[in-house]
Amino acid sequence: GGGGGGAPRKPRDFRHTFTGNLDDQFIIGISVSRKKVRLFADTFSSDIMVASPVALRRKIGMPGDKAFDADALSSVEMVVVDQADVLSMANLDHVAGVLEACNLMPSQTRDTDFSRVRGLNLEGRAQRVRQAVWLTRYVEPDVVALMRRTGRNDAGATMVRG
């Protein structure tokens, strides 16, 4: 007991996870040049993209939809999935959809800057060279399966438990 009559205190990991801005629809582009770093750059022409899986999925659409456009994700060279354990409790479908879109070849050339797209990406082998970092508090079988399905880096994979 405690008998305080108030709402029960949440565990520390719950408070840590659900503190601050809980918006799951964030997306920001960051452009990097020799002389400056520019925040809020155009999302799909930026050098770095920080986004939630939900926001990216809404931006690119769903496969099969007329408006589906994942071309900008075809040149992604590194993916960081933070709090994969939390995402696995919510909905890994959005994460899977975004990572699978990263493995697609560009379907249109209208806005494609081919100087930014590696040859391996154009050969359909992006997942063989893309680096992926998965951050999680514990190993979740669904997360491991998704990691293996969406990224098969030629250099292999290493799992580090903290």
N, C-alpha and C. Protein backbone atom coordinates (compact mmCIF):
# COMPACT_ATOMS: atom_id res chain seq x y z
N GLY A 1 0.30 -1.09 0.00
CA GLY A 1 0.00 0.00 0.00
C GLY A 1 0.38 1.36 0.00
N GLY A 2 0.59 2.33 0.32
CA GLY A 2 0.82 3.70 0.43
C GLY A 2 -0.35 4.44 0.95
N GLY A 3 -1.58 4.03 0.61
CA GLY A 3 -2.79 4.64 1.11
C GLY A 3 -2.88 6.13 0.85
N GLY A 4 -2.20 6.65 -0.12
CA GLY A 4 -2.22 8.08 -0.40
C GLY A 4 -3.49 8.53 -1.08
N GLY A 5 -4.25 7.62 -1.66
CA GLY A 5 -5.50 7.98 -2.30
C GLY A 5 -5.34 8.55 -3.70
N GLY A 6 -4.14 8.93 -4.12
CA GLY A 6 -3.93 9.47 -5.45
C GLY A 6 -3.74 8.37 -6.48
N ALA A 7 -3.49 8.78 -7.70
CA ALA A 7 -3.24 7.81 -8.77
C ALA A 7 -1.94 7.07 -8.47
N PRO A 8 -1.90 5.77 -8.80
CA PRO A 8 -0.66 5.02 -8.54
C PRO A 8 0.49 5.59 -9.37
N ARG A 9 1.66 5.60 -8.77
CA ARG A 9 2.85 6.12 -9.44
C ARG A 9 3.30 5.11 -10.50
N LYS A 10 3.58 5.60 -11.68
CA LYS A 10 4.02 4.74 -12.79
C LYS A 10 5.48 4.33 -12.58
N PRO A 11 5.87 3.16 -13.11
CA PRO A 11 7.27 2.73 -13.00
C PRO A 11 8.21 3.72 -13.70
N ARG A 12 9.45 3.71 -13.28
CA ARG A 12 10.44 4.66 -13.81
C ARG A 12 10.61 4.53 -15.32
N ASP A 13 10.65 3.30 -15.87
CA ASP A 13 10.83 3.15 -17.32
C ASP A 13 9.63 3.71 -18.08
N PHE A 14 8.43 3.60 -17.53
CA PHE A 14 7.24 4.17 -18.15
C PHE A 14 7.37 5.69 -18.19
N ARG A 15 7.73 6.28 -17.06
CA ARG A 15 7.88 7.74 -16.99
C ARG A 15 8.96 8.22 -17.95
N HIS A 16 10.05 7.48 -18.07
CA HIS A 16 11.14 7.86 -18.98
C HIS A 16 10.68 7.81 -20.43
N THR A 17 9.97 6.76 -20.79
CA THR A 17 9.52 6.58 -22.18
C THR A 17 8.48 7.61 -22.57
N PHE A 18 7.56 7.91 -21.68
CA PHE A 18 6.43 8.77 -22.02
C PHE A 18 6.54 10.15 -21.39
N THR A 19 7.73 10.71 -21.40
CA THR A 19 7.96 12.06 -20.90
C THR A 19 8.22 12.99 -22.08
N GLY A 20 7.76 14.20 -21.97
CA GLY A 20 8.05 15.18 -23.02
C GLY A 20 7.02 15.16 -24.13
N ASN A 21 7.45 15.53 -25.31
CA ASN A 21 6.58 15.61 -26.47
C ASN A 21 6.29 14.21 -26.99
N LEU A 22 5.04 13.80 -26.98
CA LEU A 22 4.66 12.46 -27.39
C LEU A 22 4.10 12.41 -28.81
N ASP A 23 4.27 13.48 -29.56
CA ASP A 23 3.78 13.53 -30.93
C ASP A 23 4.47 12.44 -31.75
N ASP A 24 3.67 11.56 -32.36
CA ASP A 24 4.26 10.47 -33.16
C ASP A 24 4.22 10.78 -34.65
N GLN A 25 4.04 12.06 -35.00
CA GLN A 25 3.98 12.44 -36.41
C GLN A 25 4.99 13.53 -36.71
N PHE A 26 6.21 13.35 -36.25
CA PHE A 26 7.23 14.38 -36.46
C PHE A 26 8.13 13.98 -37.63
N ILE A 27 8.57 15.01 -38.34
CA ILE A 27 9.51 14.79 -39.44
C ILE A 27 10.27 16.10 -39.65
N ILE A 28 11.58 16.01 -39.72
CA ILE A 28 12.41 17.20 -39.93
C ILE A 28 13.56 16.83 -40.85
N GLY A 29 13.84 17.70 -41.78
CA GLY A 29 14.97 17.52 -42.67
C GLY A 29 16.13 18.40 -42.23
N ILE A 30 17.33 17.87 -42.35
CA ILE A 30 18.53 18.62 -41.99
C ILE A 30 19.48 18.56 -43.19
N SER A 31 19.91 19.71 -43.64
CA SER A 31 20.81 19.79 -44.79
C SER A 31 22.20 20.18 -44.30
N VAL A 32 23.21 19.48 -44.79
CA VAL A 32 24.58 19.72 -44.34
C VAL A 32 25.43 20.10 -45.55
N SER A 33 26.14 21.23 -45.43
CA SER A 33 27.08 21.62 -46.48
C SER A 33 28.41 21.93 -45.80
N ARG A 34 29.40 22.30 -46.58
CA ARG A 34 30.72 22.60 -46.01
C ARG A 34 30.67 23.76 -45.03
N LYS A 35 29.78 24.72 -45.29
CA LYS A 35 29.78 25.94 -44.50
C LYS A 35 28.67 26.01 -43.46
N LYS A 36 27.61 25.22 -43.60
CA LYS A 36 26.51 25.37 -42.65
C LYS A 36 25.67 24.09 -42.54
N VAL A 37 24.92 24.06 -41.47
CA VAL A 37 23.92 23.02 -41.24
C VAL A 37 22.58 23.75 -41.17
N ARG A 38 21.62 23.30 -41.97
CA ARG A 38 20.33 23.98 -42.04
C ARG A 38 19.23 23.05 -41.55
N LEU A 39 18.56 23.47 -40.47
CA LEU A 39 17.42 22.72 -39.96
C LEU A 39 16.18 23.05 -40.78
N PHE A 40 15.22 22.16 -40.75
CA PHE A 40 13.95 22.32 -41.44
C PHE A 40 14.13 22.45 -42.96
N ALA A 41 15.11 21.73 -43.48
CA ALA A 41 15.30 21.67 -44.93
C ALA A 41 14.17 20.84 -45.53
N ASP A 42 13.98 20.94 -46.83
CA ASP A 42 12.98 20.11 -47.49
C ASP A 42 13.26 18.66 -47.13
N THR A 43 12.26 17.99 -46.63
CA THR A 43 12.45 16.66 -46.05
C THR A 43 13.14 15.69 -46.99
N PHE A 44 12.65 15.56 -48.20
CA PHE A 44 13.16 14.51 -49.07
C PHE A 44 14.37 14.92 -49.90
N SER A 45 14.83 16.16 -49.77
CA SER A 45 16.09 16.52 -50.42
C SER A 45 17.15 16.82 -49.36
N SER A 46 16.85 16.52 -48.12
CA SER A 46 17.80 16.77 -47.04
C SER A 46 18.84 15.66 -46.95
N ASP A 47 19.91 15.94 -46.23
CA ASP A 47 20.97 14.95 -46.02
C ASP A 47 20.64 14.03 -44.85
N ILE A 48 19.96 14.58 -43.86
CA ILE A 48 19.58 13.82 -42.67
C ILE A 48 18.09 14.03 -42.45
N MET A 49 17.40 12.96 -42.15
CA MET A 49 15.98 13.03 -41.88
C MET A 49 15.74 12.41 -40.51
N VAL A 50 15.06 13.14 -39.64
CA VAL A 50 14.67 12.62 -38.33
C VAL A 50 13.15 12.57 -38.36
N ALA A 51 12.61 11.36 -38.22
CA ALA A 51 11.17 11.22 -38.39
C ALA A 51 10.64 10.01 -37.64
N SER A 52 9.37 10.08 -37.33
CA SER A 52 8.71 8.91 -36.77
C SER A 52 8.26 8.02 -37.92
N PRO A 53 8.14 6.72 -37.67
CA PRO A 53 7.66 5.83 -38.73
C PRO A 53 6.28 6.23 -39.24
N VAL A 54 5.42 6.71 -38.35
CA VAL A 54 4.07 7.12 -38.74
C VAL A 54 4.13 8.30 -39.71
N ALA A 55 4.95 9.29 -39.40
CA ALA A 55 5.06 10.47 -40.26
C ALA A 55 5.62 10.10 -41.63
N LEU A 56 6.65 9.26 -41.66
CA LEU A 56 7.21 8.85 -42.95
C LEU A 56 6.20 8.06 -43.76
N ARG A 57 5.49 7.17 -43.10
CA ARG A 57 4.50 6.35 -43.80
C ARG A 57 3.40 7.22 -44.39
N ARG A 58 2.96 8.23 -43.65
CA ARG A 58 1.94 9.15 -44.17
C ARG A 58 2.49 9.96 -45.34
N LYS A 59 3.76 10.34 -45.26
CA LYS A 59 4.36 11.17 -46.32
C LYS A 59 4.51 10.39 -47.62
N ILE A 60 4.92 9.11 -47.54
CA ILE A 60 5.14 8.34 -48.77
C ILE A 60 3.88 7.63 -49.25
N GLY A 61 2.92 7.43 -48.37
CA GLY A 61 1.70 6.72 -48.74
C GLY A 61 1.86 5.22 -48.59
N MET A 62 0.89 4.50 -49.07
CA MET A 62 0.87 3.04 -48.96
C MET A 62 1.12 2.43 -50.33
N PRO A 63 1.90 1.33 -50.39
CA PRO A 63 2.10 0.65 -51.67
C PRO A 63 0.75 0.29 -52.29
N GLY A 64 0.64 0.51 -53.57
CA GLY A 64 -0.62 0.24 -54.27
C GLY A 64 -1.48 1.47 -54.43
N ASP A 65 -1.29 2.47 -53.55
CA ASP A 65 -2.03 3.72 -53.69
C ASP A 65 -1.50 4.51 -54.87
N LYS A 66 -2.38 5.25 -55.51
CA LYS A 66 -1.97 6.07 -56.66
C LYS A 66 -0.92 7.10 -56.26
N ALA A 67 -1.02 7.63 -55.04
CA ALA A 67 -0.11 8.68 -54.58
C ALA A 67 1.16 8.13 -53.93
N PHE A 68 1.35 6.82 -53.90
CA PHE A 68 2.53 6.23 -53.26
C PHE A 68 3.80 6.75 -53.93
N ASP A 69 4.71 7.31 -53.13
CA ASP A 69 5.96 7.85 -53.66
C ASP A 69 7.07 7.69 -52.62
N ALA A 70 7.83 6.64 -52.76
CA ALA A 70 8.92 6.36 -51.82
C ALA A 70 10.28 6.61 -52.46
N ASP A 71 10.31 7.30 -53.59
CA ASP A 71 11.57 7.49 -54.31
C ASP A 71 12.65 8.13 -53.45
N ALA A 72 12.28 9.10 -52.62
CA ALA A 72 13.28 9.78 -51.80
C ALA A 72 13.95 8.85 -50.80
N LEU A 73 13.27 7.79 -50.42
CA LEU A 73 13.85 6.85 -49.45
C LEU A 73 14.81 5.86 -50.11
N SER A 74 14.84 5.83 -51.43
CA SER A 74 15.69 4.85 -52.12
C SER A 74 17.17 5.16 -51.98
N SER A 75 17.52 6.35 -51.53
CA SER A 75 18.94 6.70 -51.39
C SER A 75 19.38 6.75 -49.92
N VAL A 76 18.55 6.26 -49.02
CA VAL A 76 18.91 6.25 -47.60
C VAL A 76 20.10 5.32 -47.38
N GLU A 77 21.15 5.82 -46.76
CA GLU A 77 22.36 5.03 -46.54
C GLU A 77 22.50 4.51 -45.12
N MET A 78 21.81 5.15 -44.19
CA MET A 78 21.88 4.71 -42.81
C MET A 78 20.54 4.94 -42.13
N VAL A 79 20.11 3.95 -41.37
CA VAL A 79 18.85 4.03 -40.64
C VAL A 79 19.15 3.79 -39.16
N VAL A 80 18.58 4.62 -38.31
CA VAL A 80 18.66 4.39 -36.87
C VAL A 80 17.23 4.22 -36.37
N VAL A 81 16.95 3.07 -35.78
CA VAL A 81 15.64 2.80 -35.19
C VAL A 81 15.83 2.88 -33.68
N ASP A 82 15.35 3.96 -33.10
CA ASP A 82 15.50 4.17 -31.66
C ASP A 82 14.28 3.63 -30.93
N GLN A 83 14.48 3.09 -29.77
CA GLN A 83 13.43 2.52 -28.92
C GLN A 83 12.61 1.48 -29.68
N ALA A 84 13.30 0.56 -30.32
CA ALA A 84 12.62 -0.49 -31.08
C ALA A 84 11.70 -1.32 -30.19
N ASP A 85 12.05 -1.48 -28.92
CA ASP A 85 11.19 -2.22 -28.01
C ASP A 85 9.85 -1.52 -27.82
N VAL A 86 9.86 -0.20 -27.75
CA VAL A 86 8.62 0.57 -27.61
C VAL A 86 7.82 0.50 -28.90
N LEU A 87 8.50 0.63 -30.04
CA LEU A 87 7.82 0.54 -31.33
C LEU A 87 7.17 -0.82 -31.52
N SER A 88 7.81 -1.88 -31.01
CA SER A 88 7.24 -3.22 -31.16
C SER A 88 5.96 -3.38 -30.36
N MET A 89 5.80 -2.60 -29.31
CA MET A 89 4.56 -2.66 -28.52
C MET A 89 3.45 -1.85 -29.19
N ALA A 90 3.82 -0.93 -30.04
CA ALA A 90 2.83 -0.08 -30.70
C ALA A 90 2.42 -0.70 -32.03
N ASN A 91 3.24 -0.51 -33.06
CA ASN A 91 2.88 -1.01 -34.38
C ASN A 91 4.14 -1.06 -35.24
N LEU A 92 4.69 -2.24 -35.40
CA LEU A 92 5.89 -2.39 -36.24
C LEU A 92 5.57 -2.31 -37.72
N ASP A 93 4.29 -2.31 -38.09
CA ASP A 93 3.93 -2.24 -39.51
C ASP A 93 4.44 -0.97 -40.16
N HIS A 94 4.38 0.15 -39.44
CA HIS A 94 4.87 1.41 -40.01
C HIS A 94 6.39 1.36 -40.20
N VAL A 95 7.09 0.81 -39.22
CA VAL A 95 8.54 0.66 -39.34
C VAL A 95 8.87 -0.23 -40.53
N ALA A 96 8.17 -1.36 -40.63
CA ALA A 96 8.39 -2.30 -41.74
C ALA A 96 8.12 -1.62 -43.08
N GLY A 97 7.03 -0.88 -43.18
CA GLY A 97 6.69 -0.21 -44.43
C GLY A 97 7.74 0.79 -44.87
N VAL A 98 8.27 1.54 -43.93
CA VAL A 98 9.30 2.53 -44.25
C VAL A 98 10.59 1.83 -44.67
N LEU A 99 11.00 0.81 -43.93
CA LEU A 99 12.25 0.11 -44.26
C LEU A 99 12.13 -0.63 -45.59
N GLU A 100 10.98 -1.21 -45.87
CA GLU A 100 10.79 -1.87 -47.17
C GLU A 100 10.80 -0.85 -48.29
N ALA A 101 10.27 0.36 -48.04
CA ALA A 101 10.30 1.42 -49.05
C ALA A 101 11.73 1.86 -49.33
N CYS A 102 12.60 1.79 -48.33
CA CYS A 102 14.02 2.13 -48.53
C CYS A 102 14.69 1.16 -49.49
N ASN A 103 14.14 -0.03 -49.63
CA ASN A 103 14.73 -1.05 -50.49
C ASN A 103 14.21 -1.00 -51.93
N LEU A 104 13.28 -0.10 -52.20
CA LEU A 104 12.71 0.00 -53.55
C LEU A 104 13.59 0.86 -54.45
N MET A 105 13.51 0.58 -55.74
CA MET A 105 14.20 1.42 -56.72
C MET A 105 13.32 2.63 -57.01
N PRO A 106 13.92 3.78 -57.35
CA PRO A 106 13.11 4.94 -57.72
C PRO A 106 12.20 4.60 -58.90
N SER A 107 10.96 5.03 -58.83
CA SER A 107 10.02 4.73 -59.91
C SER A 107 9.90 5.88 -60.91
N GLN A 108 10.31 7.09 -60.49
CA GLN A 108 10.23 8.26 -61.36
C GLN A 108 11.56 9.01 -61.27
N THR A 109 11.86 9.76 -62.30
CA THR A 109 13.12 10.52 -62.29
C THR A 109 12.89 12.02 -62.15
N ARG A 110 11.65 12.44 -62.00
CA ARG A 110 11.33 13.85 -62.02
C ARG A 110 12.12 14.69 -61.03
N ASP A 111 12.29 14.25 -59.79
CA ASP A 111 13.00 15.03 -58.77
C ASP A 111 14.28 14.34 -58.31
N THR A 112 14.68 13.29 -58.99
CA THR A 112 15.81 12.51 -58.52
C THR A 112 17.13 13.19 -58.88
N ASP A 113 17.95 13.38 -57.88
CA ASP A 113 19.31 13.89 -58.07
C ASP A 113 20.20 12.65 -58.11
N PHE A 114 20.54 12.19 -59.31
CA PHE A 114 21.27 10.94 -59.45
C PHE A 114 22.69 11.00 -58.86
N SER A 115 23.18 12.20 -58.61
CA SER A 115 24.49 12.30 -57.96
C SER A 115 24.40 11.86 -56.50
N ARG A 116 23.17 11.83 -55.96
CA ARG A 116 22.97 11.41 -54.57
C ARG A 116 22.60 9.94 -54.45
N VAL A 117 22.36 9.26 -55.55
CA VAL A 117 21.93 7.86 -55.51
C VAL A 117 23.10 6.97 -55.89
N ARG A 118 23.44 6.04 -55.02
CA ARG A 118 24.54 5.11 -55.30
C ARG A 118 24.15 4.12 -56.37
N GLY A 119 25.14 3.65 -57.09
CA GLY A 119 24.90 2.66 -58.13
C GLY A 119 24.24 1.41 -57.59
N LEU A 120 24.64 0.98 -56.41
CA LEU A 120 24.03 -0.22 -55.82
C LEU A 120 22.54 -0.03 -55.57
N ASN A 121 22.14 1.19 -55.26
CA ASN A 121 20.71 1.46 -55.08
C ASN A 121 19.97 1.29 -56.39
N LEU A 122 20.57 1.76 -57.47
CA LEU A 122 19.93 1.65 -58.78
C LEU A 122 19.91 0.22 -59.29
N GLU A 123 20.77 -0.62 -58.73
CA GLU A 123 20.80 -2.03 -59.09
C GLU A 123 19.88 -2.86 -58.20
N GLY A 124 19.15 -2.21 -57.29
CA GLY A 124 18.25 -2.92 -56.40
C GLY A 124 18.94 -3.62 -55.24
N ARG A 125 20.14 -3.17 -54.90
CA ARG A 125 20.90 -3.83 -53.83
C ARG A 125 21.15 -2.91 -52.64
N ALA A 126 20.26 -1.96 -52.42
CA ALA A 126 20.44 -0.98 -51.35
C ALA A 126 20.54 -1.63 -49.98
N GLN A 127 19.72 -2.63 -49.74
CA GLN A 127 19.74 -3.24 -48.41
C GLN A 127 21.03 -3.99 -48.12
N ARG A 128 21.82 -4.26 -49.16
CA ARG A 128 23.09 -4.97 -48.97
C ARG A 128 24.20 -4.04 -48.46
N VAL A 129 24.01 -2.74 -48.60
CA VAL A 129 25.05 -1.80 -48.17
C VAL A 129 24.57 -0.79 -47.12
N ARG A 130 23.26 -0.71 -46.92
CA ARG A 130 22.74 0.25 -45.95
C ARG A 130 23.12 -0.19 -44.53
N GLN A 131 23.53 0.78 -43.74
CA GLN A 131 23.82 0.51 -42.34
C GLN A 131 22.55 0.73 -41.53
N ALA A 132 22.32 -0.14 -40.59
CA ALA A 132 21.15 0.00 -39.72
C ALA A 132 21.59 -0.18 -38.27
N VAL A 133 21.14 0.73 -37.44
CA VAL A 133 21.41 0.66 -36.01
C VAL A 133 20.05 0.55 -35.32
N TRP A 134 19.88 -0.50 -34.57
CA TRP A 134 18.64 -0.74 -33.83
C TRP A 134 18.94 -0.58 -32.35
N LEU A 135 18.26 0.35 -31.71
CA LEU A 135 18.45 0.60 -30.29
C LEU A 135 17.23 0.09 -29.54
N THR A 136 17.47 -0.78 -28.57
CA THR A 136 16.37 -1.39 -27.84
C THR A 136 16.84 -1.79 -26.45
N ARG A 137 15.93 -1.81 -25.51
CA ARG A 137 16.30 -2.20 -24.14
C ARG A 137 16.36 -3.71 -23.98
N TYR A 138 15.66 -4.43 -24.82
CA TYR A 138 15.68 -5.89 -24.75
C TYR A 138 15.42 -6.46 -26.14
N VAL A 139 15.81 -7.71 -26.32
CA VAL A 139 15.66 -8.36 -27.62
C VAL A 139 14.23 -8.85 -27.77
N GLU A 140 13.56 -8.38 -28.78
CA GLU A 140 12.18 -8.75 -29.09
C GLU A 140 12.20 -9.54 -30.39
N PRO A 141 11.64 -10.76 -30.41
CA PRO A 141 11.69 -11.59 -31.63
C PRO A 141 11.14 -10.89 -32.88
N ASP A 142 10.06 -10.12 -32.74
CA ASP A 142 9.50 -9.42 -33.90
C ASP A 142 10.47 -8.38 -34.45
N VAL A 143 11.20 -7.73 -33.57
CA VAL A 143 12.17 -6.72 -33.99
C VAL A 143 13.33 -7.39 -34.72
N VAL A 144 13.82 -8.50 -34.17
CA VAL A 144 14.93 -9.22 -34.81
C VAL A 144 14.51 -9.72 -36.19
N ALA A 145 13.29 -10.24 -36.30
CA ALA A 145 12.79 -10.73 -37.59
C ALA A 145 12.70 -9.59 -38.60
N LEU A 146 12.19 -8.44 -38.17
CA LEU A 146 12.10 -7.28 -39.07
C LEU A 146 13.48 -6.80 -39.47
N MET A 147 14.39 -6.78 -38.54
CA MET A 147 15.77 -6.36 -38.82
C MET A 147 16.38 -7.26 -39.89
N ARG A 148 16.18 -8.55 -39.77
CA ARG A 148 16.75 -9.50 -40.74
C ARG A 148 16.05 -9.42 -42.09
N ARG A 149 14.74 -9.17 -42.08
CA ARG A 149 13.99 -9.14 -43.34
C ARG A 149 14.29 -7.89 -44.17
N THR A 150 14.50 -6.76 -43.51
CA THR A 150 14.63 -5.50 -44.25
C THR A 150 16.06 -5.06 -44.50
N GLY A 151 17.02 -5.71 -43.88
CA GLY A 151 18.41 -5.33 -44.08
C GLY A 151 19.32 -6.53 -44.06
N ARG A 152 19.96 -6.75 -45.17
CA ARG A 152 20.89 -7.88 -45.28
C ARG A 152 22.26 -7.36 -45.69
N ASN A 153 22.87 -6.60 -44.84
CA ASN A 153 24.14 -5.96 -45.15
C ASN A 153 25.21 -7.00 -45.43
N ASP A 154 25.97 -6.79 -46.51
CA ASP A 154 27.04 -7.72 -46.89
C ASP A 154 28.10 -7.85 -45.81
N ALA A 155 28.27 -6.82 -44.99
CA ALA A 155 29.27 -6.87 -43.92
C ALA A 155 28.79 -7.65 -42.71
N GLY A 156 27.52 -8.04 -42.72
CA GLY A 156 26.99 -8.83 -41.62
C GLY A 156 26.30 -7.97 -40.59
N ALA A 157 26.00 -8.57 -39.46
CA ALA A 157 25.29 -7.88 -38.38
C ALA A 157 25.92 -8.27 -37.06
N THR A 158 25.86 -7.35 -36.13
CA THR A 158 26.36 -7.60 -34.79
C THR A 158 25.31 -7.13 -33.80
N MET A 159 25.04 -7.95 -32.82
CA MET A 159 24.11 -7.56 -31.78
C MET A 159 24.90 -7.38 -30.49
N VAL A 160 24.74 -6.22 -29.88
CA VAL A 160 25.42 -5.92 -28.63
C VAL A 160 24.36 -5.76 -27.56
N ARG A 161 24.51 -6.49 -26.51
CA ARG A 161 23.56 -6.38 -25.39
C ARG A 161 24.21 -5.57 -24.29
N GLY A 162 23.47 -4.59 -23.80
CA GLY A 162 24.02 -3.71 -22.77
C GLY A 162 23.59 -4.08 -21.39
